[in-house]
Amino acid sequence: MSADAAPLPNSPGPFPVAMPPTGTSSLWDRISTWASEHKGVVYTVAGLTLVVSAGGVIYYLSDDRKGSSSQAASSKRKNKRDRKKAKERAEKEAVKEQESKPEPKSASVAPAVEDELPEVDETTVGSLSEEACTSQAILG
């Protein structure tokens, strides 16, 4: 074989072939190119990100309320104990007051027995004033 032989059929030939430089494009350029070619994927990922973020915020806020209710429950138990102690103190004071007070005098007038009805005749009815009659009609 001689050096003057024709070039190989698979070689690019005597003119140089321009290849895009692989190391000179920036990361942003490559991402932008990929995003413009795959818009459906980009929109899907963005939508899912928004939905998941909103769900996380809602979960966080609702979980925060549960923490407050557990604190409220413990303070409620504490308040219940305090109320019970206060009630016991009030009962002790009431017992002391009853012991220190003299017993009330019983009424000297004998209470009317409910089974007995008073005697009513024409003279007692006539002696009632108009006002008494109307008030008894309203009450009775």
N, C-alpha and C. Protein backbone atom coordinates (compact mmCIF):
# COMPACT_ATOMS: atom_id res chain seq x y z
N MET A 1 0.82 -1.14 0.00
CA MET A 1 0.00 0.00 0.00
C MET A 1 0.88 1.22 0.00
N SER A 2 0.39 2.09 -0.69
CA SER A 2 1.20 3.30 -0.83
C SER A 2 0.56 4.44 -0.11
N ALA A 3 1.32 5.48 0.12
CA ALA A 3 0.85 6.63 0.86
C ALA A 3 -0.04 7.50 0.00
N ASP A 4 0.06 7.34 -1.36
CA ASP A 4 -0.76 8.16 -2.26
C ASP A 4 -2.14 7.55 -2.48
N ALA A 5 -2.51 6.60 -1.77
CA ALA A 5 -3.78 5.91 -1.99
C ALA A 5 -4.94 6.79 -1.58
N ALA A 6 -6.08 6.47 -2.12
CA ALA A 6 -7.30 7.26 -1.85
C ALA A 6 -7.73 7.05 -0.40
N PRO A 7 -8.44 8.08 0.16
CA PRO A 7 -8.88 7.94 1.57
C PRO A 7 -9.90 6.83 1.72
N LEU A 8 -10.01 6.33 2.88
CA LEU A 8 -10.94 5.25 3.17
C LEU A 8 -12.39 5.77 3.03
N PRO A 9 -13.29 4.90 2.58
CA PRO A 9 -14.65 5.38 2.36
C PRO A 9 -15.36 5.83 3.64
N ASN A 10 -15.00 5.35 4.78
CA ASN A 10 -15.68 5.73 6.05
C ASN A 10 -15.06 6.96 6.70
N SER A 11 -14.02 7.47 6.19
CA SER A 11 -13.38 8.63 6.81
C SER A 11 -14.11 9.90 6.41
N PRO A 12 -14.03 10.93 7.18
CA PRO A 12 -14.78 12.15 6.90
C PRO A 12 -14.30 12.87 5.65
N GLY A 13 -13.23 12.56 5.21
CA GLY A 13 -12.78 13.21 3.98
C GLY A 13 -11.79 14.32 4.31
N PRO A 14 -11.45 15.10 3.30
CA PRO A 14 -10.44 16.13 3.52
C PRO A 14 -10.98 17.33 4.32
N PHE A 15 -12.33 17.48 4.43
CA PHE A 15 -12.87 18.65 5.16
C PHE A 15 -13.18 18.23 6.61
N PRO A 16 -12.99 19.15 7.56
CA PRO A 16 -13.25 18.80 8.96
C PRO A 16 -14.76 18.82 9.27
N VAL A 17 -15.22 17.95 10.13
CA VAL A 17 -16.62 17.87 10.54
C VAL A 17 -16.77 18.66 11.85
N ALA A 18 -17.76 19.57 11.91
CA ALA A 18 -17.97 20.39 13.10
C ALA A 18 -18.85 19.62 14.09
N MET A 19 -18.31 19.29 15.22
CA MET A 19 -19.03 18.60 16.29
C MET A 19 -19.30 19.64 17.39
N PRO A 20 -20.52 19.60 17.99
CA PRO A 20 -20.79 20.56 19.06
C PRO A 20 -19.89 20.27 20.25
N PRO A 21 -19.38 21.29 20.83
CA PRO A 21 -18.48 21.06 21.98
C PRO A 21 -19.29 20.56 23.18
N THR A 22 -18.87 19.51 23.80
CA THR A 22 -19.62 18.91 24.89
C THR A 22 -19.29 19.57 26.23
N GLY A 23 -18.17 20.08 26.43
CA GLY A 23 -17.78 20.62 27.72
C GLY A 23 -18.09 22.10 27.87
N THR A 24 -18.51 22.80 26.82
CA THR A 24 -18.70 24.24 26.92
C THR A 24 -20.13 24.64 27.27
N SER A 25 -21.14 23.76 27.12
CA SER A 25 -22.51 24.16 27.44
C SER A 25 -22.71 24.10 28.96
N SER A 26 -23.42 25.08 29.48
CA SER A 26 -23.62 25.16 30.93
C SER A 26 -24.74 24.22 31.36
N LEU A 27 -24.82 24.00 32.63
CA LEU A 27 -25.84 23.14 33.18
C LEU A 27 -27.23 23.73 32.91
N TRP A 28 -27.36 25.03 33.07
CA TRP A 28 -28.65 25.69 32.83
C TRP A 28 -29.11 25.51 31.38
N ASP A 29 -28.17 25.58 30.44
CA ASP A 29 -28.53 25.38 29.03
C ASP A 29 -29.02 23.95 28.79
N ARG A 30 -28.36 22.99 29.38
CA ARG A 30 -28.78 21.60 29.20
C ARG A 30 -30.14 21.34 29.85
N ILE A 31 -30.39 21.91 31.03
CA ILE A 31 -31.69 21.74 31.69
C ILE A 31 -32.79 22.41 30.88
N SER A 32 -32.52 23.60 30.38
CA SER A 32 -33.52 24.31 29.58
C SER A 32 -33.87 23.55 28.32
N THR A 33 -32.86 22.97 27.68
CA THR A 33 -33.09 22.20 26.47
C THR A 33 -33.93 20.97 26.79
N TRP A 34 -33.59 20.26 27.85
CA TRP A 34 -34.33 19.06 28.21
C TRP A 34 -35.78 19.43 28.58
N ALA A 35 -35.98 20.52 29.33
CA ALA A 35 -37.32 20.93 29.75
C ALA A 35 -38.17 21.32 28.55
N SER A 36 -37.56 21.98 27.56
CA SER A 36 -38.34 22.36 26.37
C SER A 36 -38.74 21.14 25.55
N GLU A 37 -37.95 20.07 25.61
CA GLU A 37 -38.28 18.86 24.88
C GLU A 37 -39.26 17.97 25.63
N HIS A 38 -39.35 18.09 26.95
CA HIS A 38 -40.20 17.24 27.78
C HIS A 38 -41.13 18.09 28.65
N LYS A 39 -41.95 18.89 28.02
CA LYS A 39 -42.82 19.81 28.76
C LYS A 39 -43.87 19.07 29.60
N GLY A 40 -44.39 17.98 29.11
CA GLY A 40 -45.40 17.22 29.86
C GLY A 40 -44.85 16.72 31.18
N VAL A 41 -43.62 16.21 31.15
CA VAL A 41 -43.00 15.70 32.38
C VAL A 41 -42.76 16.85 33.35
N VAL A 42 -42.32 17.98 32.84
CA VAL A 42 -42.04 19.14 33.69
C VAL A 42 -43.31 19.62 34.39
N TYR A 43 -44.42 19.73 33.63
CA TYR A 43 -45.67 20.20 34.22
C TYR A 43 -46.21 19.19 35.24
N THR A 44 -46.06 17.90 34.96
CA THR A 44 -46.53 16.88 35.89
C THR A 44 -45.76 16.94 37.21
N VAL A 45 -44.44 17.05 37.11
CA VAL A 45 -43.62 17.12 38.32
C VAL A 45 -43.94 18.39 39.11
N ALA A 46 -44.12 19.51 38.43
CA ALA A 46 -44.44 20.76 39.11
C ALA A 46 -45.79 20.67 39.81
N GLY A 47 -46.78 20.09 39.16
CA GLY A 47 -48.10 19.94 39.78
C GLY A 47 -48.07 19.04 41.00
N LEU A 48 -47.37 17.91 40.87
CA LEU A 48 -47.26 17.01 42.02
C LEU A 48 -46.52 17.67 43.18
N THR A 49 -45.52 18.46 42.88
CA THR A 49 -44.78 19.16 43.92
C THR A 49 -45.69 20.12 44.68
N LEU A 50 -46.52 20.84 43.96
CA LEU A 50 -47.45 21.78 44.61
C LEU A 50 -48.45 21.03 45.49
N VAL A 51 -48.99 19.93 44.97
CA VAL A 51 -49.99 19.18 45.73
C VAL A 51 -49.37 18.59 47.00
N VAL A 52 -48.20 18.00 46.89
CA VAL A 52 -47.54 17.40 48.05
C VAL A 52 -47.15 18.47 49.06
N SER A 53 -46.68 19.62 48.59
CA SER A 53 -46.32 20.71 49.52
C SER A 53 -47.55 21.22 50.26
N ALA A 54 -48.65 21.40 49.56
CA ALA A 54 -49.88 21.87 50.20
C ALA A 54 -50.36 20.84 51.22
N GLY A 55 -50.28 19.56 50.88
CA GLY A 55 -50.68 18.52 51.83
C GLY A 55 -49.79 18.51 53.06
N GLY A 56 -48.50 18.73 52.88
CA GLY A 56 -47.58 18.79 54.01
C GLY A 56 -47.89 19.95 54.93
N VAL A 57 -48.21 21.10 54.34
CA VAL A 57 -48.55 22.27 55.16
C VAL A 57 -49.82 22.01 55.96
N ILE A 58 -50.82 21.43 55.31
CA ILE A 58 -52.09 21.13 56.00
C ILE A 58 -51.86 20.12 57.12
N TYR A 59 -51.07 19.11 56.84
CA TYR A 59 -50.78 18.10 57.86
C TYR A 59 -50.03 18.72 59.04
N TYR A 60 -49.07 19.55 58.75
CA TYR A 60 -48.29 20.20 59.80
C TYR A 60 -49.18 21.06 60.68
N LEU A 61 -50.05 21.84 60.06
CA LEU A 61 -50.91 22.73 60.84
C LEU A 61 -51.94 21.94 61.65
N SER A 62 -52.49 20.86 61.08
CA SER A 62 -53.46 20.07 61.84
C SER A 62 -52.77 19.29 62.94
N ASP A 63 -51.54 18.84 62.74
CA ASP A 63 -50.79 18.14 63.75
C ASP A 63 -50.45 19.09 64.89
N ASP A 64 -50.22 20.35 64.59
CA ASP A 64 -49.92 21.35 65.60
C ASP A 64 -51.11 21.54 66.52
N ARG A 65 -52.31 21.50 65.97
CA ARG A 65 -53.51 21.65 66.79
C ARG A 65 -53.67 20.46 67.73
N LYS A 66 -53.31 19.25 67.25
CA LYS A 66 -53.43 18.07 68.10
C LYS A 66 -52.49 18.19 69.30
N GLY A 67 -51.33 18.74 69.09
CA GLY A 67 -50.40 18.96 70.20
C GLY A 67 -50.97 19.91 71.21
N SER A 68 -51.67 20.93 70.76
CA SER A 68 -52.28 21.88 71.66
C SER A 68 -53.40 21.22 72.45
N SER A 69 -54.16 20.33 71.81
CA SER A 69 -55.26 19.68 72.51
C SER A 69 -54.72 18.71 73.55
N SER A 70 -53.57 18.08 73.29
CA SER A 70 -53.01 17.18 74.30
C SER A 70 -52.52 17.98 75.49
N GLN A 71 -52.00 19.18 75.24
CA GLN A 71 -51.61 20.05 76.34
C GLN A 71 -52.84 20.51 77.09
N ALA A 72 -53.90 20.79 76.36
CA ALA A 72 -55.15 21.22 76.99
C ALA A 72 -55.72 20.08 77.83
N ALA A 73 -55.59 18.84 77.35
CA ALA A 73 -56.10 17.71 78.11
C ALA A 73 -55.33 17.54 79.41
N SER A 74 -54.01 17.71 79.38
CA SER A 74 -53.24 17.58 80.61
C SER A 74 -53.57 18.71 81.56
N SER A 75 -53.77 19.93 81.04
CA SER A 75 -54.15 21.03 81.92
C SER A 75 -55.57 20.84 82.42
N LYS A 76 -56.42 20.19 81.63
CA LYS A 76 -57.79 19.91 82.07
C LYS A 76 -57.76 18.94 83.25
N ARG A 77 -56.90 17.93 83.16
CA ARG A 77 -56.77 17.00 84.27
C ARG A 77 -56.27 17.73 85.51
N LYS A 78 -55.32 18.62 85.31
CA LYS A 78 -54.78 19.39 86.41
C LYS A 78 -55.88 20.28 87.01
N ASN A 79 -56.65 20.92 86.15
CA ASN A 79 -57.74 21.75 86.63
C ASN A 79 -58.77 20.91 87.37
N LYS A 80 -58.99 19.70 86.92
CA LYS A 80 -59.96 18.83 87.57
C LYS A 80 -59.49 18.52 88.99
N ARG A 81 -58.20 18.25 89.15
CA ARG A 81 -57.66 18.00 90.49
C ARG A 81 -57.80 19.24 91.37
N ASP A 82 -57.50 20.39 90.80
CA ASP A 82 -57.63 21.63 91.56
C ASP A 82 -59.07 21.88 91.98
N ARG A 83 -59.99 21.63 91.06
CA ARG A 83 -61.41 21.82 91.39
C ARG A 83 -61.84 20.85 92.49
N LYS A 84 -61.34 19.62 92.44
CA LYS A 84 -61.70 18.64 93.45
C LYS A 84 -61.18 19.07 94.82
N LYS A 85 -59.94 19.56 94.86
CA LYS A 85 -59.38 20.03 96.12
C LYS A 85 -60.15 21.24 96.64
N ALA A 86 -60.52 22.14 95.75
CA ALA A 86 -61.27 23.32 96.16
C ALA A 86 -62.64 22.92 96.70
N LYS A 87 -63.26 21.93 96.08
CA LYS A 87 -64.56 21.45 96.53
C LYS A 87 -64.44 20.84 97.93
N GLU A 88 -63.38 20.07 98.16
CA GLU A 88 -63.18 19.47 99.48
C GLU A 88 -62.96 20.55 100.53
N ARG A 89 -62.18 21.59 100.18
CA ARG A 89 -61.97 22.70 101.11
C ARG A 89 -63.28 23.40 101.43
N ALA A 90 -64.11 23.61 100.40
CA ALA A 90 -65.39 24.29 100.60
C ALA A 90 -66.30 23.46 101.49
N GLU A 91 -66.29 22.14 101.31
CA GLU A 91 -67.11 21.28 102.16
C GLU A 91 -66.64 21.34 103.61
N LYS A 92 -65.32 21.34 103.84
CA LYS A 92 -64.79 21.44 105.21
C LYS A 92 -65.19 22.76 105.84
N GLU A 93 -65.11 23.85 105.08
CA GLU A 93 -65.49 25.15 105.61
C GLU A 93 -66.98 25.20 105.92
N ALA A 94 -67.79 24.57 105.06
CA ALA A 94 -69.24 24.55 105.31
C ALA A 94 -69.55 23.78 106.58
N VAL A 95 -68.84 22.68 106.81
CA VAL A 95 -69.05 21.90 108.03
C VAL A 95 -68.65 22.73 109.24
N LYS A 96 -67.54 23.46 109.16
CA LYS A 96 -67.10 24.30 110.27
C LYS A 96 -68.11 25.41 110.55
N GLU A 97 -68.66 26.01 109.49
CA GLU A 97 -69.64 27.08 109.67
C GLU A 97 -70.91 26.54 110.31
N GLN A 98 -71.33 25.35 109.92
CA GLN A 98 -72.53 24.76 110.51
C GLN A 98 -72.32 24.46 111.98
N GLU A 99 -71.13 24.01 112.32
CA GLU A 99 -70.84 23.71 113.72
C GLU A 99 -70.81 24.97 114.56
N SER A 100 -70.29 26.06 113.99
CA SER A 100 -70.17 27.29 114.76
C SER A 100 -71.49 28.04 114.87
N LYS A 101 -72.39 27.89 113.92
CA LYS A 101 -73.67 28.59 113.97
C LYS A 101 -74.62 27.86 114.92
N PRO A 102 -75.41 28.63 115.66
CA PRO A 102 -76.42 27.96 116.49
C PRO A 102 -77.55 27.45 115.60
N GLU A 103 -78.20 26.43 116.09
CA GLU A 103 -79.28 25.85 115.31
C GLU A 103 -80.41 26.85 115.21
N PRO A 104 -81.01 26.97 114.02
CA PRO A 104 -82.12 27.92 113.89
C PRO A 104 -83.32 27.46 114.73
N LYS A 105 -84.03 28.47 115.25
CA LYS A 105 -85.20 28.15 116.06
C LYS A 105 -86.30 27.61 115.16
N SER A 106 -87.01 26.66 115.67
CA SER A 106 -88.11 26.11 114.90
C SER A 106 -89.28 27.07 114.98
N ALA A 107 -90.08 27.06 113.96
CA ALA A 107 -91.22 27.97 113.89
C ALA A 107 -92.23 27.61 114.97
N SER A 108 -92.79 28.64 115.61
CA SER A 108 -93.74 28.40 116.68
C SER A 108 -95.13 28.11 116.13
N VAL A 109 -95.34 28.51 114.87
CA VAL A 109 -96.64 28.26 114.27
C VAL A 109 -96.61 26.87 113.66
N ALA A 110 -97.62 26.11 113.92
CA ALA A 110 -97.67 24.76 113.39
C ALA A 110 -97.94 24.83 111.89
N PRO A 111 -97.18 24.11 111.12
CA PRO A 111 -97.40 24.13 109.67
C PRO A 111 -98.75 23.53 109.33
N ALA A 112 -99.34 24.08 108.27
CA ALA A 112 -100.65 23.57 107.86
C ALA A 112 -100.47 22.23 107.19
N VAL A 113 -101.34 21.34 107.50
CA VAL A 113 -101.28 20.02 106.91
C VAL A 113 -101.91 20.13 105.53
N GLU A 114 -101.23 19.57 104.53
CA GLU A 114 -101.71 19.72 103.16
C GLU A 114 -102.97 18.90 102.89
N ASP A 115 -103.18 17.88 103.69
CA ASP A 115 -104.36 17.06 103.47
C ASP A 115 -105.65 17.79 103.87
N GLU A 116 -105.51 18.71 104.81
CA GLU A 116 -106.69 19.44 105.27
C GLU A 116 -106.87 20.70 104.44
N LEU A 117 -108.04 20.91 103.96
CA LEU A 117 -108.36 22.13 103.23
C LEU A 117 -109.09 23.09 104.16
N PRO A 118 -108.84 24.39 104.02
CA PRO A 118 -109.52 25.33 104.90
C PRO A 118 -111.02 25.38 104.57
N GLU A 119 -111.79 25.71 105.58
CA GLU A 119 -113.23 25.84 105.41
C GLU A 119 -113.53 27.11 104.63
N VAL A 120 -114.26 26.99 103.55
CA VAL A 120 -114.63 28.14 102.74
C VAL A 120 -116.15 28.19 102.69
N ASP A 121 -116.72 29.34 103.07
CA ASP A 121 -118.16 29.52 102.94
C ASP A 121 -118.41 30.88 102.28
N GLU A 122 -119.65 31.28 102.20
CA GLU A 122 -120.00 32.52 101.49
C GLU A 122 -119.43 33.75 102.18
N THR A 123 -119.32 33.74 103.45
CA THR A 123 -118.83 34.92 104.16
C THR A 123 -117.33 35.13 103.92
N THR A 124 -116.54 34.05 103.86
CA THR A 124 -115.11 34.21 103.60
C THR A 124 -114.86 34.62 102.15
N VAL A 125 -115.69 34.13 101.23
CA VAL A 125 -115.53 34.49 99.83
C VAL A 125 -115.90 35.95 99.63
N GLY A 126 -116.93 36.41 100.28
CA GLY A 126 -117.35 37.80 100.15
C GLY A 126 -116.34 38.76 100.74
N SER A 127 -115.60 38.31 101.73
CA SER A 127 -114.63 39.20 102.37
C SER A 127 -113.35 39.37 101.52
N LEU A 128 -113.15 38.50 100.58
CA LEU A 128 -111.96 38.63 99.73
C LEU A 128 -112.10 39.83 98.81
N SER A 129 -111.06 40.49 98.60
CA SER A 129 -111.11 41.64 97.71
C SER A 129 -111.01 41.17 96.26
N GLU A 130 -111.28 42.06 95.36
CA GLU A 130 -111.20 41.75 93.91
C GLU A 130 -109.79 41.30 93.55
N GLU A 131 -108.83 41.95 94.11
CA GLU A 131 -107.43 41.66 93.79
C GLU A 131 -107.06 40.24 94.19
N ALA A 132 -107.49 39.83 95.35
CA ALA A 132 -107.17 38.49 95.83
C ALA A 132 -107.83 37.44 94.97
N CYS A 133 -109.06 37.71 94.54
CA CYS A 133 -109.77 36.76 93.68
C CYS A 133 -109.06 36.57 92.36
N THR A 134 -108.61 37.67 91.74
CA THR A 134 -107.94 37.56 90.43
C THR A 134 -106.59 36.89 90.58
N SER A 135 -105.85 37.16 91.65
CA SER A 135 -104.54 36.53 91.80
C SER A 135 -104.68 35.04 92.05
N GLN A 136 -105.72 34.62 92.78
CA GLN A 136 -105.92 33.19 93.00
C GLN A 136 -106.39 32.50 91.73
N ALA A 137 -107.15 33.20 90.91
CA ALA A 137 -107.61 32.60 89.65
C ALA A 137 -106.41 32.40 88.71
N ILE A 138 -105.49 33.33 88.74
CA ILE A 138 -104.30 33.22 87.88
C ILE A 138 -103.40 32.09 88.38
N LEU A 139 -103.19 32.04 89.68
CA LEU A 139 -102.30 31.03 90.24
C LEU A 139 -102.93 29.65 90.27
N GLY A 140 -104.20 29.61 90.50
CA GLY A 140 -104.84 28.35 90.78
C GLY A 140 -105.35 27.63 89.62
